Amino acid sequence: MELGAFSVSLAVKDIEVSKNFYRHLGFEVVGGNQDQGWLILRNRGHTIGLFQGMFEQNIMTFNPGWDQENQNLDSFTDIRELQKKLKAAGVTLTLEADESTSGPASLTMVDPDGNPILIDQHR
């Protein structure tokens, strides 16, 4: 199952402090809006998101339609198709994509250890 680009979305207490910390590790801001409480940082093929006040805990994030550099893929498996496969496999979803739509959509689930997973398609 092709899930797209992988990143970790970190729930941070102080986005400025966290941004500066990760910059020391070689991450650079490549997107987001700090005034809105979110930034995307990258160090080569590694991507993390910093989110202040948006999530209660860290989230594993997958983005169908993007490669690891967040560039659009020519072809990819739509989130609605992924959702059908997950449901057929017996995976319980905590948020489902509207299957009557196309384009951007999200779904969420929780792994057996309580770790949240977000699949977030932007196109």
PDB file of N, CA and C in Angstrom:
ATOM      1  N   MET A   1       0.851  -1.172   0.000  1.00  0.00           N
ATOM      2  CA  MET A   1       0.000   0.000   0.000  1.00  0.00           C
ATOM      3  C   MET A   1       0.896   1.233   0.000  1.00  0.00           C
ATOM      4  N   GLU A   2       0.758   2.066  -1.023  1.00  0.00           N
ATOM      5  CA  GLU A   2       1.562   3.289  -1.131  1.00  0.00           C
ATOM      6  C   GLU A   2       0.864   4.423  -0.387  1.00  0.00           C
ATOM      7  N   LEU A   3       1.496   4.911   0.681  1.00  0.00           N
ATOM      8  CA  LEU A   3       0.893   5.935   1.530  1.00  0.00           C
ATOM      9  C   LEU A   3       1.397   7.339   1.241  1.00  0.00           C
ATOM     10  N   GLY A   4       2.424   7.480   0.425  1.00  0.00           N
ATOM     11  CA  GLY A   4       2.970   8.801   0.131  1.00  0.00           C
ATOM     12  C   GLY A   4       4.063   9.206   1.093  1.00  0.00           C
ATOM     13  N   ALA A   5       4.333  10.485   1.133  1.00  0.00           N
ATOM     14  CA  ALA A   5       5.411  11.034   1.967  1.00  0.00           C
ATOM     15  C   ALA A   5       5.115  10.784   3.444  1.00  0.00           C
ATOM     16  N   PHE A   6       6.159  10.508   4.216  1.00  0.00           N
ATOM     17  CA  PHE A   6       6.029  10.291   5.658  1.00  0.00           C
ATOM     18  C   PHE A   6       6.672  11.445   6.418  1.00  0.00           C
ATOM     19  N   SER A   7       6.017  11.868   7.472  1.00  0.00           N
ATOM     20  CA  SER A   7       6.594  12.850   8.383  1.00  0.00           C
ATOM     21  C   SER A   7       6.024  12.615   9.771  1.00  0.00           C
ATOM     22  N   VAL A   8       6.617  13.267  10.727  1.00  0.00           N
ATOM     23  CA  VAL A   8       6.103  13.228  12.089  1.00  0.00           C
ATOM     24  C   VAL A   8       5.594  14.625  12.418  1.00  0.00           C
ATOM     25  N   SER A   9       4.361  14.687  12.877  1.00  0.00           N
ATOM     26  CA  SER A   9       3.762  15.953  13.301  1.00  0.00           C
ATOM     27  C   SER A   9       3.908  16.028  14.813  1.00  0.00           C
ATOM     28  N   LEU A  10       4.703  16.986  15.273  1.00  0.00           N
ATOM     29  CA  LEU A  10       5.007  17.098  16.691  1.00  0.00           C
ATOM     30  C   LEU A  10       4.131  18.138  17.365  1.00  0.00           C
ATOM     31  N   ALA A  11       3.500  17.743  18.457  1.00  0.00           N
ATOM     32  CA  ALA A  11       2.732  18.675  19.284  1.00  0.00           C
ATOM     33  C   ALA A  11       3.739  19.384  20.186  1.00  0.00           C
ATOM     34  N   VAL A  12       3.947  20.679  19.957  1.00  0.00           N
ATOM     35  CA  VAL A  12       4.977  21.409  20.696  1.00  0.00           C
ATOM     36  C   VAL A  12       4.350  22.445  21.626  1.00  0.00           C
ATOM     37  N   LYS A  13       5.067  22.744  22.699  1.00  0.00           N
ATOM     38  CA  LYS A  13       4.594  23.729  23.675  1.00  0.00           C
ATOM     39  C   LYS A  13       4.905  25.156  23.252  1.00  0.00           C
ATOM     40  N   ASP A  14       6.088  25.353  22.659  1.00  0.00           N
ATOM     41  CA  ASP A  14       6.523  26.680  22.232  1.00  0.00           C
ATOM     42  C   ASP A  14       7.185  26.521  20.866  1.00  0.00           C
ATOM     43  N   ILE A  15       6.484  26.931  19.824  1.00  0.00           N
ATOM     44  CA  ILE A  15       6.950  26.682  18.462  1.00  0.00           C
ATOM     45  C   ILE A  15       8.281  27.368  18.169  1.00  0.00           C
ATOM     46  N   GLU A  16       8.526  28.536  18.745  1.00  0.00           N
ATOM     47  CA  GLU A  16       9.791  29.245  18.534  1.00  0.00           C
ATOM     48  C   GLU A  16      10.952  28.461  19.138  1.00  0.00           C
ATOM     49  N   VAL A  17      10.775  27.981  20.352  1.00  0.00           N
ATOM     50  CA  VAL A  17      11.819  27.194  21.026  1.00  0.00           C
ATOM     51  C   VAL A  17      12.084  25.906  20.246  1.00  0.00           C
ATOM     52  N   SER A  18      11.007  25.235  19.826  1.00  0.00           N
ATOM     53  CA  SER A  18      11.158  23.985  19.080  1.00  0.00           C
ATOM     54  C   SER A  18      11.826  24.222  17.734  1.00  0.00           C
ATOM     55  N   LYS A  19      11.425  25.284  17.034  1.00  0.00           N
ATOM     56  CA  LYS A  19      12.037  25.613  15.739  1.00  0.00           C
ATOM     57  C   LYS A  19      13.543  25.804  15.905  1.00  0.00           C
ATOM     58  N   ASN A  20      13.939  26.567  16.908  1.00  0.00           N
ATOM     59  CA  ASN A  20      15.364  26.807  17.130  1.00  0.00           C
ATOM     60  C   ASN A  20      16.103  25.530  17.484  1.00  0.00           C
ATOM     61  N   PHE A  21      15.492  24.662  18.278  1.00  0.00           N
ATOM     62  CA  PHE A  21      16.118  23.391  18.632  1.00  0.00           C
ATOM     63  C   PHE A  21      16.388  22.563  17.371  1.00  0.00           C
ATOM     64  N   TYR A  22      15.369  22.385  16.533  1.00  0.00           N
ATOM     65  CA  TYR A  22      15.528  21.549  15.344  1.00  0.00           C
ATOM     66  C   TYR A  22      16.444  22.185  14.304  1.00  0.00           C
ATOM     67  N   ARG A  23      16.558  23.495  14.309  1.00  0.00           N
ATOM     68  CA  ARG A  23      17.522  24.146  13.412  1.00  0.00           C
ATOM     69  C   ARG A  23      18.942  23.756  13.799  1.00  0.00           C
ATOM     70  N   HIS A  24      19.204  23.565  15.100  1.00  0.00           N
ATOM     71  CA  HIS A  24      20.525  23.093  15.548  1.00  0.00           C
ATOM     72  C   HIS A  24      20.818  21.688  15.041  1.00  0.00           C
ATOM     73  N   LEU A  25      19.778  20.917  14.732  1.00  0.00           N
ATOM     74  CA  LEU A  25      19.952  19.563  14.198  1.00  0.00           C
ATOM     75  C   LEU A  25      20.018  19.558  12.673  1.00  0.00           C
ATOM     76  N   GLY A  26      20.021  20.736  12.071  1.00  0.00           N
ATOM     77  CA  GLY A  26      20.153  20.842  10.625  1.00  0.00           C
ATOM     78  C   GLY A  26      18.842  20.962   9.871  1.00  0.00           C
ATOM     79  N   PHE A  27      17.734  21.100  10.572  1.00  0.00           N
ATOM     80  CA  PHE A  27      16.444  21.268   9.895  1.00  0.00           C
ATOM     81  C   PHE A  27      16.267  22.724   9.484  1.00  0.00           C
ATOM     82  N   GLU A  28      15.622  22.915   8.337  1.00  0.00           N
ATOM     83  CA  GLU A  28      15.314  24.253   7.844  1.00  0.00           C
ATOM     84  C   GLU A  28      13.811  24.373   7.643  1.00  0.00           C
ATOM     85  N   VAL A  29      13.273  25.545   7.914  1.00  0.00           N
ATOM     86  CA  VAL A  29      11.852  25.787   7.689  1.00  0.00           C
ATOM     87  C   VAL A  29      11.593  25.809   6.186  1.00  0.00           C
ATOM     88  N   VAL A  30      10.643  24.993   5.737  1.00  0.00           N
ATOM     89  CA  VAL A  30      10.309  24.936   4.306  1.00  0.00           C
ATOM     90  C   VAL A  30       8.840  25.263   4.053  1.00  0.00           C
ATOM     91  N   GLY A  31       8.078  25.496   5.101  1.00  0.00           N
ATOM     92  CA  GLY A  31       6.672  25.816   4.910  1.00  0.00           C
ATOM     93  C   GLY A  31       5.983  26.094   6.226  1.00  0.00           C
ATOM     94  N   GLY A  32       4.732  26.472   6.112  1.00  0.00           N
ATOM     95  CA  GLY A  32       3.925  26.725   7.296  1.00  0.00           C
ATOM     96  C   GLY A  32       3.751  28.196   7.581  1.00  0.00           C
ATOM     97  N   ASN A  33       3.158  28.458   8.750  1.00  0.00           N
ATOM     98  CA  ASN A  33       2.907  29.820   9.189  1.00  0.00           C
ATOM     99  C   ASN A  33       3.039  29.846  10.707  1.00  0.00           C
ATOM    100  N   GLN A  34       4.144  30.357  11.184  1.00  0.00           N
ATOM    101  CA  GLN A  34       4.410  30.343  12.621  1.00  0.00           C
ATOM    102  C   GLN A  34       3.341  31.116  13.393  1.00  0.00           C
ATOM    103  N   ASP A  35       2.812  32.200  12.808  1.00  0.00           N
ATOM    104  CA  ASP A  35       1.762  32.973  13.481  1.00  0.00           C
ATOM    105  C   ASP A  35       0.484  32.154  13.661  1.00  0.00           C
ATOM    106  N   GLN A  36       0.274  31.174  12.801  1.00  0.00           N
ATOM    107  CA  GLN A  36      -0.883  30.283  12.925  1.00  0.00           C
ATOM    108  C   GLN A  36      -0.570  29.049  13.775  1.00  0.00           C
ATOM    109  N   GLY A  37       0.685  28.904  14.199  1.00  0.00           N
ATOM    110  CA  GLY A  37       1.062  27.808  15.081  1.00  0.00           C
ATOM    111  C   GLY A  37       1.525  26.544  14.405  1.00  0.00           C
ATOM    112  N   TRP A  38       2.004  26.652  13.150  1.00  0.00           N
ATOM    113  CA  TRP A  38       2.515  25.450  12.498  1.00  0.00           C
ATOM    114  C   TRP A  38       3.641  25.772  11.523  1.00  0.00           C
ATOM    115  N   LEU A  39       4.631  24.888  11.502  1.00  0.00           N
ATOM    116  CA  LEU A  39       5.773  25.000  10.600  1.00  0.00           C
ATOM    117  C   LEU A  39       6.136  23.615  10.081  1.00  0.00           C
ATOM    118  N   ILE A  40       6.665  23.567   8.874  1.00  0.00           N
ATOM    119  CA  ILE A  40       7.196  22.339   8.298  1.00  0.00           C
ATOM    120  C   ILE A  40       8.705  22.534   8.154  1.00  0.00           C
ATOM    121  N   LEU A  41       9.471  21.581   8.678  1.00  0.00           N
ATOM    122  CA  LEU A  41      10.929  21.647   8.629  1.00  0.00           C
ATOM    123  C   LEU A  41      11.464  20.409   7.922  1.00  0.00           C
ATOM    124  N   ARG A  42      12.586  20.584   7.234  1.00  0.00           N
ATOM    125  CA  ARG A  42      13.186  19.465   6.518  1.00  0.00           C
ATOM    126  C   ARG A  42      14.698  19.469   6.696  1.00  0.00           C
ATOM    127  N   ASN A  43      15.231  18.271   6.808  1.00  0.00           N
ATOM    128  CA  ASN A  43      16.672  18.028   6.801  1.00  0.00           C
ATOM    129  C   ASN A  43      16.865  16.882   5.820  1.00  0.00           C
ATOM    130  N   ARG A  44      17.302  17.231   4.617  1.00  0.00           N
ATOM    131  CA  ARG A  44      17.420  16.274   3.511  1.00  0.00           C
ATOM    132  C   ARG A  44      16.067  15.605   3.299  1.00  0.00           C
ATOM    133  N   GLY A  45      15.987  14.289   3.389  1.00  0.00           N
ATOM    134  CA  GLY A  45      14.734  13.582   3.151  1.00  0.00           C
ATOM    135  C   GLY A  45      13.852  13.443   4.372  1.00  0.00           C
ATOM    136  N   HIS A  46      14.218  14.084   5.470  1.00  0.00           N
ATOM    137  CA  HIS A  46      13.455  13.959   6.713  1.00  0.00           C
ATOM    138  C   HIS A  46      12.593  15.200   6.922  1.00  0.00           C
ATOM    139  N   THR A  47      11.313  14.978   7.158  1.00  0.00           N
ATOM    140  CA  THR A  47      10.387  16.081   7.342  1.00  0.00           C
ATOM    141  C   THR A  47       9.683  15.949   8.680  1.00  0.00           C
ATOM    142  N   ILE A  48       9.586  17.068   9.396  1.00  0.00           N
ATOM    143  CA  ILE A  48       8.808  17.120  10.626  1.00  0.00           C
ATOM    144  C   ILE A  48       7.909  18.348  10.569  1.00  0.00           C
ATOM    145  N   GLY A  49       6.783  18.256  11.207  1.00  0.00           N
ATOM    146  CA  GLY A  49       5.894  19.395  11.358  1.00  0.00           C
ATOM    147  C   GLY A  49       5.849  19.778  12.825  1.00  0.00           C
ATOM    148  N   LEU A  50       5.892  21.060  13.102  1.00  0.00           N
ATOM    149  CA  LEU A  50       5.746  21.567  14.465  1.00  0.00           C
ATOM    150  C   LEU A  50       4.364  22.206  14.559  1.00  0.00           C
ATOM    151  N   PHE A  51       3.571  21.777  15.521  1.00  0.00           N
ATOM    152  CA  PHE A  51       2.198  22.254  15.666  1.00  0.00           C
ATOM    153  C   PHE A  51       1.949  22.646  17.114  1.00  0.00           C
ATOM    154  N   GLN A  52       1.750  23.923  17.349  1.00  0.00           N
ATOM    155  CA  GLN A  52       1.493  24.419  18.698  1.00  0.00           C
ATOM    156  C   GLN A  52      -0.011  24.623  18.882  1.00  0.00           C
ATOM    157  N   GLY A  53      -0.562  23.936  19.882  1.00  0.00           N
ATOM    158  CA  GLY A  53      -1.975  24.100  20.210  1.00  0.00           C
ATOM    159  C   GLY A  53      -2.944  23.420  19.265  1.00  0.00           C
ATOM    160  N   MET A  54      -2.484  22.530  18.420  1.00  0.00           N
ATOM    161  CA  MET A  54      -3.372  21.880  17.450  1.00  0.00           C
ATOM    162  C   MET A  54      -3.640  20.415  17.779  1.00  0.00           C
ATOM    163  N   PHE A  55      -2.670  19.733  18.365  1.00  0.00           N
ATOM    164  CA  PHE A  55      -2.796  18.308  18.667  1.00  0.00           C
ATOM    165  C   PHE A  55      -2.438  18.067  20.118  1.00  0.00           C
ATOM    166  N   GLU A  56      -2.994  17.002  20.686  1.00  0.00           N
ATOM    167  CA  GLU A  56      -2.666  16.630  22.062  1.00  0.00           C
ATOM    168  C   GLU A  56      -1.390  15.806  22.126  1.00  0.00           C
ATOM    169  N   GLN A  57      -1.089  15.073  21.052  1.00  0.00           N
ATOM    170  CA  GLN A  57       0.111  14.249  21.042  1.00  0.00           C
ATOM    171  C   GLN A  57       0.693  14.199  19.638  1.00  0.00           C
ATOM    172  N   ASN A  58       1.883  13.650  19.517  1.00  0.00           N
ATOM    173  CA  ASN A  58       2.556  13.529  18.230  1.00  0.00           C
ATOM    174  C   ASN A  58       1.768  12.590  17.327  1.00  0.00           C
ATOM    175  N   ILE A  59       1.861  12.824  16.016  1.00  0.00           N
ATOM    176  CA  ILE A  59       1.106  12.046  15.045  1.00  0.00           C
ATOM    177  C   ILE A  59       2.024  11.641  13.889  1.00  0.00           C
ATOM    178  N   MET A  60       1.944  10.367  13.505  1.00  0.00           N
ATOM    179  CA  MET A  60       2.602   9.932  12.280  1.00  0.00           C
ATOM    180  C   MET A  60       1.722  10.390  11.119  1.00  0.00           C
ATOM    181  N   THR A  61       2.322  11.006  10.113  1.00  0.00           N
ATOM    182  CA  THR A  61       1.556  11.575   9.008  1.00  0.00           C
ATOM    183  C   THR A  61       2.052  11.022   7.676  1.00  0.00           C
ATOM    184  N   PHE A  62       1.102  10.666   6.816  1.00  0.00           N
ATOM    185  CA  PHE A  62       1.393  10.219   5.461  1.00  0.00           C
ATOM    186  C   PHE A  62       0.621  11.115   4.502  1.00  0.00           C
ATOM    187  N   ASN A  63       1.248  11.484   3.384  1.00  0.00           N
ATOM    188  CA  ASN A  63       0.618  12.373   2.400  1.00  0.00           C
ATOM    189  C   ASN A  63       0.593  11.711   1.022  1.00  0.00           C
ATOM    190  N   PRO A  64      -0.523  11.053   0.667  1.00  0.00           N
ATOM    191  CA  PRO A  64      -0.642  10.496  -0.684  1.00  0.00           C
ATOM    192  C   PRO A  64      -0.499  11.607  -1.724  1.00  0.00           C
ATOM    193  N   GLY A  65       0.191  11.288  -2.802  1.00  0.00           N
ATOM    194  CA  GLY A  65       0.376  12.258  -3.879  1.00  0.00           C
ATOM    195  C   GLY A  65       1.659  13.043  -3.802  1.00  0.00           C
ATOM    196  N   TRP A  66       2.394  12.888  -2.698  1.00  0.00           N
ATOM    197  CA  TRP A  66       3.671  13.592  -2.523  1.00  0.00           C
ATOM    198  C   TRP A  66       4.807  12.601  -2.350  1.00  0.00           C
ATOM    199  N   ASP A  67       6.001  12.990  -2.832  1.00  0.00           N
ATOM    200  CA  ASP A  67       7.208  12.236  -2.513  1.00  0.00           C
ATOM    201  C   ASP A  67       7.807  12.813  -1.221  1.00  0.00           C
ATOM    202  N   GLN A  68       8.955  12.321  -0.797  1.00  0.00           N
ATOM    203  CA  GLN A  68       9.551  12.760   0.475  1.00  0.00           C
ATOM    204  C   GLN A  68      10.000  14.215   0.460  1.00  0.00           C
ATOM    205  N   GLU A  69      10.072  14.823  -0.709  1.00  0.00           N
ATOM    206  CA  GLU A  69      10.416  16.240  -0.814  1.00  0.00           C
ATOM    207  C   GLU A  69       9.158  17.095  -0.985  1.00  0.00           C
ATOM    208  N   ASN A  70       7.993  16.475  -0.751  1.00  0.00           N
ATOM    209  CA  ASN A  70       6.692  17.136  -0.884  1.00  0.00           C
ATOM    210  C   ASN A  70       6.441  17.661  -2.294  1.00  0.00           C
ATOM    211  N   GLN A  71       6.982  16.947  -3.272  1.00  0.00           N
ATOM    212  CA  GLN A  71       6.728  17.253  -4.673  1.00  0.00           C
ATOM    213  C   GLN A  71       5.603  16.340  -5.157  1.00  0.00           C
ATOM    214  N   ASN A  72       4.741  16.864  -6.018  1.00  0.00           N
ATOM    215  CA  ASN A  72       3.630  16.082  -6.538  1.00  0.00           C
ATOM    216  C   ASN A  72       4.114  14.881  -7.329  1.00  0.00           C
ATOM    217  N   LEU A  73       3.492  13.740  -7.094  1.00  0.00           N
ATOM    218  CA  LEU A  73       3.749  12.530  -7.869  1.00  0.00           C
ATOM    219  C   LEU A  73       2.834  12.524  -9.086  1.00  0.00           C
ATOM    220  N   ASP A  74       3.313  11.957 -10.192  1.00  0.00           N
ATOM    221  CA  ASP A  74       2.492  11.867 -11.400  1.00  0.00           C
ATOM    222  C   ASP A  74       1.275  10.980 -11.175  1.00  0.00           C
ATOM    223  N   SER A  75       1.465   9.893 -10.443  1.00  0.00           N
ATOM    224  CA  SER A  75       0.344   9.011 -10.137  1.00  0.00           C
ATOM    225  C   SER A  75       0.469   8.562  -8.680  1.00  0.00           C
ATOM    226  N   PHE A  76      -0.671   8.329  -8.063  1.00  0.00           N
ATOM    227  CA  PHE A  76      -0.699   7.880  -6.672  1.00  0.00           C
ATOM    228  C   PHE A  76      -2.053   7.258  -6.375  1.00  0.00           C
ATOM    229  N   THR A  77      -2.129   6.525  -5.285  1.00  0.00           N
ATOM    230  CA  THR A  77      -3.378   5.918  -4.857  1.00  0.00           C
ATOM    231  C   THR A  77      -4.170   6.944  -4.059  1.00  0.00           C
ATOM    232  N   ASP A  78      -5.372   7.262  -4.523  1.00  0.00           N
ATOM    233  CA  ASP A  78      -6.225   8.239  -3.860  1.00  0.00           C
ATOM    234  C   ASP A  78      -6.592   7.762  -2.452  1.00  0.00           C
ATOM    235  N   ILE A  79      -6.738   8.695  -1.560  1.00  0.00           N
ATOM    236  CA  ILE A  79      -7.035   8.399  -0.158  1.00  0.00           C
ATOM    237  C   ILE A  79      -8.317   7.583  -0.007  1.00  0.00           C
ATOM    238  N   ARG A  80      -9.278   7.778  -0.891  1.00  0.00           N
ATOM    239  CA  ARG A  80     -10.528   7.033  -0.796  1.00  0.00           C
ATOM    240  C   ARG A  80     -10.315   5.558  -1.100  1.00  0.00           C
ATOM    241  N   GLU A  81      -9.392   5.277  -2.021  1.00  0.00           N
ATOM    242  CA  GLU A  81      -9.036   3.890  -2.314  1.00  0.00           C
ATOM    243  C   GLU A  81      -8.275   3.278  -1.128  1.00  0.00           C
ATOM    244  N   LEU A  82      -7.361   4.037  -0.557  1.00  0.00           N
ATOM    245  CA  LEU A  82      -6.659   3.564   0.642  1.00  0.00           C
ATOM    246  C   LEU A  82      -7.655   3.259   1.752  1.00  0.00           C
ATOM    247  N   GLN A  83      -8.630   4.148   1.917  1.00  0.00           N
ATOM    248  CA  GLN A  83      -9.642   3.971   2.958  1.00  0.00           C
ATOM    249  C   GLN A  83     -10.420   2.671   2.751  1.00  0.00           C
ATOM    250  N   LYS A  84     -10.823   2.395   1.522  1.00  0.00           N
ATOM    251  CA  LYS A  84     -11.552   1.158   1.227  1.00  0.00           C
ATOM    252  C   LYS A  84     -10.720  -0.064   1.590  1.00  0.00           C
ATOM    253  N   LYS A  85      -9.433  -0.036   1.241  1.00  0.00           N
ATOM    254  CA  LYS A  85      -8.552  -1.170   1.546  1.00  0.00           C
ATOM    255  C   LYS A  85      -8.375  -1.337   3.059  1.00  0.00           C
ATOM    256  N   LEU A  86      -8.211  -0.230   3.776  1.00  0.00           N
ATOM    257  CA  LEU A  86      -8.043  -0.308   5.227  1.00  0.00           C
ATOM    258  C   LEU A  86      -9.303  -0.865   5.895  1.00  0.00           C
ATOM    259  N   LYS A  87     -10.456  -0.371   5.480  1.00  0.00           N
ATOM    260  CA  LYS A  87     -11.710  -0.853   6.060  1.00  0.00           C
ATOM    261  C   LYS A  87     -11.938  -2.330   5.740  1.00  0.00           C
ATOM    262  N   ALA A  88     -11.601  -2.736   4.508  1.00  0.00           N
ATOM    263  CA  ALA A  88     -11.743  -4.143   4.123  1.00  0.00           C
ATOM    264  C   ALA A  88     -10.830  -5.047   4.950  1.00  0.00           C
ATOM    265  N   ALA A  89      -9.698  -4.490   5.389  1.00  0.00           N
ATOM    266  CA  ALA A  89      -8.761  -5.247   6.220  1.00  0.00           C
ATOM    267  C   ALA A  89      -9.159  -5.244   7.693  1.00  0.00           C
ATOM    268  N   GLY A  90     -10.234  -4.530   8.026  1.00  0.00           N
ATOM    269  CA  GLY A  90     -10.709  -4.512   9.404  1.00  0.00           C
ATOM    270  C   GLY A  90     -10.118  -3.418  10.268  1.00  0.00           C
ATOM    271  N   VAL A  91      -9.445  -2.444   9.651  1.00  0.00           N
ATOM    272  CA  VAL A  91      -8.864  -1.334  10.408  1.00  0.00           C
ATOM    273  C   VAL A  91      -9.984  -0.360  10.777  1.00  0.00           C
ATOM    274  N   THR A  92     -10.049   0.008  12.046  1.00  0.00           N
ATOM    275  CA  THR A  92     -11.037   0.971  12.510  1.00  0.00           C
ATOM    276  C   THR A  92     -10.508   2.379  12.289  1.00  0.00           C
ATOM    277  N   LEU A  93     -11.283   3.185  11.588  1.00  0.00           N
ATOM    278  CA  LEU A  93     -10.898   4.571  11.326  1.00  0.00           C
ATOM    279  C   LEU A  93     -11.604   5.478  12.329  1.00  0.00           C
ATOM    280  N   THR A  94     -10.884   6.480  12.821  1.00  0.00           N
ATOM    281  CA  THR A  94     -11.478   7.439  13.754  1.00  0.00           C
ATOM    282  C   THR A  94     -12.018   8.668  13.031  1.00  0.00           C
ATOM    283  N   LEU A  95     -11.582   8.873  11.796  1.00  0.00           N
ATOM    284  CA  LEU A  95     -12.109   9.909  10.909  1.00  0.00           C
ATOM    285  C   LEU A  95     -12.014   9.350   9.503  1.00  0.00           C
ATOM    286  N   GLU A  96     -13.105   9.467   8.750  1.00  0.00           N
ATOM    287  CA  GLU A  96     -13.120   8.928   7.398  1.00  0.00           C
ATOM    288  C   GLU A  96     -13.206  10.049   6.365  1.00  0.00           C
ATOM    289  N   ALA A  97     -12.581   9.796   5.217  1.00  0.00           N
ATOM    290  CA  ALA A  97     -12.712  10.695   4.072  1.00  0.00           C
ATOM    291  C   ALA A  97     -14.088  10.485   3.444  1.00  0.00           C
ATOM    292  N   ASP A  98     -14.662  11.540   2.934  1.00  0.00           N
ATOM    293  CA  ASP A  98     -15.954  11.461   2.252  1.00  0.00           C
ATOM    294  C   ASP A  98     -15.721  10.823   0.883  1.00  0.00           C
ATOM    295  N   GLU A  99     -16.244   9.619   0.703  1.00  0.00           N
ATOM    296  CA  GLU A  99     -16.000   8.877  -0.538  1.00  0.00           C
ATOM    297  C   GLU A  99     -16.771   9.422  -1.727  1.00  0.00           C
ATOM    298  N   SER A 100     -17.675  10.371  -1.501  1.00  0.00           N
ATOM    299  CA  SER A 100     -18.422  10.962  -2.617  1.00  0.00           C
ATOM    300  C   SER A 100     -17.697  12.168  -3.218  1.00  0.00           C
ATOM    301  N   THR A 101     -16.523  12.502  -2.664  1.00  0.00           N
ATOM    302  CA  THR A 101     -15.763  13.656  -3.134  1.00  0.00           C
ATOM    303  C   THR A 101     -14.501  13.203  -3.844  1.00  0.00           C
ATOM    304  N   SER A 102     -13.743  14.174  -4.353  1.00  0.00           N
ATOM    305  CA  SER A 102     -12.420  13.913  -4.924  1.00  0.00           C
ATOM    306  C   SER A 102     -11.496  15.022  -4.441  1.00  0.00           C
ATOM    307  N   GLY A 103     -10.207  14.832  -4.640  1.00  0.00           N
ATOM    308  CA  GLY A 103      -9.242  15.847  -4.221  1.00  0.00           C
ATOM    309  C   GLY A 103      -8.853  15.721  -2.760  1.00  0.00           C
ATOM    310  N   PRO A 104      -8.532  16.849  -2.131  1.00  0.00           N
ATOM    311  CA  PRO A 104      -8.032  16.827  -0.753  1.00  0.00           C
ATOM    312  C   PRO A 104      -9.005  16.164   0.220  1.00  0.00           C
ATOM    313  N   ALA A 105      -8.438  15.364   1.121  1.00  0.00           N
ATOM    314  CA  ALA A 105      -9.236  14.695   2.150  1.00  0.00           C
ATOM    315  C   ALA A 105      -8.280  14.098   3.183  1.00  0.00           C
ATOM    316  N   SER A 106      -8.834  13.741   4.337  1.00  0.00           N
ATOM    317  CA  SER A 106      -8.037  13.155   5.412  1.00  0.00           C
ATOM    318  C   SER A 106      -8.770  11.978   6.034  1.00  0.00           C
ATOM    319  N   LEU A 107      -7.997  11.101   6.621  1.00  0.00           N
ATOM    320  CA  LEU A 107      -8.547  10.056   7.463  1.00  0.00           C
ATOM    321  C   LEU A 107      -7.582   9.841   8.618  1.00  0.00           C
ATOM    322  N   THR A 108      -8.105   9.344   9.720  1.00  0.00           N
ATOM    323  CA  THR A 108      -7.254   9.075  10.883  1.00  0.00           C
ATOM    324  C   THR A 108      -7.586   7.708  11.459  1.00  0.00           C
ATOM    325  N   MET A 109      -6.612   7.165  12.173  1.00  0.00           N
ATOM    326  CA  MET A 109      -6.751   5.897  12.873  1.00  0.00           C
ATOM    327  C   MET A 109      -5.776   5.910  14.036  1.00  0.00           C
ATOM    328  N   VAL A 110      -5.882   4.917  14.885  1.00  0.00           N
ATOM    329  CA  VAL A 110      -4.983   4.778  16.025  1.00  0.00           C
ATOM    330  C   VAL A 110      -4.422   3.366  15.976  1.00  0.00           C
ATOM    331  N   ASP A 111      -3.102   3.235  16.111  1.00  0.00           N
ATOM    332  CA  ASP A 111      -2.505   1.898  16.089  1.00  0.00           C
ATOM    333  C   ASP A 111      -2.790   1.175  17.410  1.00  0.00           C
ATOM    334  N   PRO A 112      -2.465  -0.113  17.513  1.00  0.00           N
ATOM    335  CA  PRO A 112      -2.791  -0.878  18.723  1.00  0.00           C
ATOM    336  C   PRO A 112      -2.170  -0.327  20.010  1.00  0.00           C
ATOM    337  N   ASP A 113      -1.133   0.501  19.889  1.00  0.00           N
ATOM    338  CA  ASP A 113      -0.484   1.071  21.064  1.00  0.00           C
ATOM    339  C   ASP A 113      -0.945   2.479  21.377  1.00  0.00           C
ATOM    340  N   GLY A 114      -1.968   2.957  20.666  1.00  0.00           N
ATOM    341  CA  GLY A 114      -2.516   4.275  20.936  1.00  0.00           C
ATOM    342  C   GLY A 114      -1.868   5.413  20.177  1.00  0.00           C
ATOM    343  N   ASN A 115      -1.010   5.098  19.211  1.00  0.00           N
ATOM    344  CA  ASN A 115      -0.349   6.131  18.420  1.00  0.00           C
ATOM    345  C   ASN A 115      -1.264   6.581  17.286  1.00  0.00           C
ATOM    346  N   PRO A 116      -1.558   7.875  17.207  1.00  0.00           N
ATOM    347  CA  PRO A 116      -2.426   8.358  16.120  1.00  0.00           C
ATOM    348  C   PRO A 116      -1.682   8.390  14.785  1.00  0.00           C
ATOM    349  N   ILE A 117      -2.438   8.086  13.729  1.00  0.00           N
ATOM    350  CA  ILE A 117      -1.918   8.114  12.369  1.00  0.00           C
ATOM    351  C   ILE A 117      -2.873   8.957  11.530  1.00  0.00           C
ATOM    352  N   LEU A 118      -2.311   9.903  10.794  1.00  0.00           N
ATOM    353  CA  LEU A 118      -3.073  10.767   9.901  1.00  0.00           C
ATOM    354  C   LEU A 118      -2.637  10.479   8.468  1.00  0.00           C
ATOM    355  N   ILE A 119      -3.603  10.239   7.594  1.00  0.00           N
ATOM    356  CA  ILE A 119      -3.337  10.195   6.161  1.00  0.00           C
ATOM    357  C   ILE A 119      -4.036  11.428   5.599  1.00  0.00           C
ATOM    358  N   ASP A 120      -3.238  12.329   5.027  1.00  0.00           N
ATOM    359  CA  ASP A 120      -3.709  13.658   4.659  1.00  0.00           C
ATOM    360  C   ASP A 120      -3.328  13.942   3.209  1.00  0.00           C
ATOM    361  N   GLN A 121      -4.302  13.860   2.328  1.00  0.00           N
ATOM    362  CA  GLN A 121      -4.072  14.082   0.898  1.00  0.00           C
ATOM    363  C   GLN A 121      -4.368  15.538   0.584  1.00  0.00           C
ATOM    364  N   HIS A 122      -3.411  16.238  -0.030  1.00  0.00           N
ATOM    365  CA  HIS A 122      -3.542  17.667  -0.303  1.00  0.00           C
ATOM    366  C   HIS A 122      -4.014  18.012  -1.703  1.00  0.00           C
ATOM    367  N   ARG A 123      -4.125  17.031  -2.576  1.00  0.00           N
ATOM    368  CA  ARG A 123      -4.560  17.335  -3.951  1.00  0.00           C
ATOM    369  C   ARG A 123      -5.456  16.254  -4.493  1.00  0.00           C
TER     370      ARG A 123
END
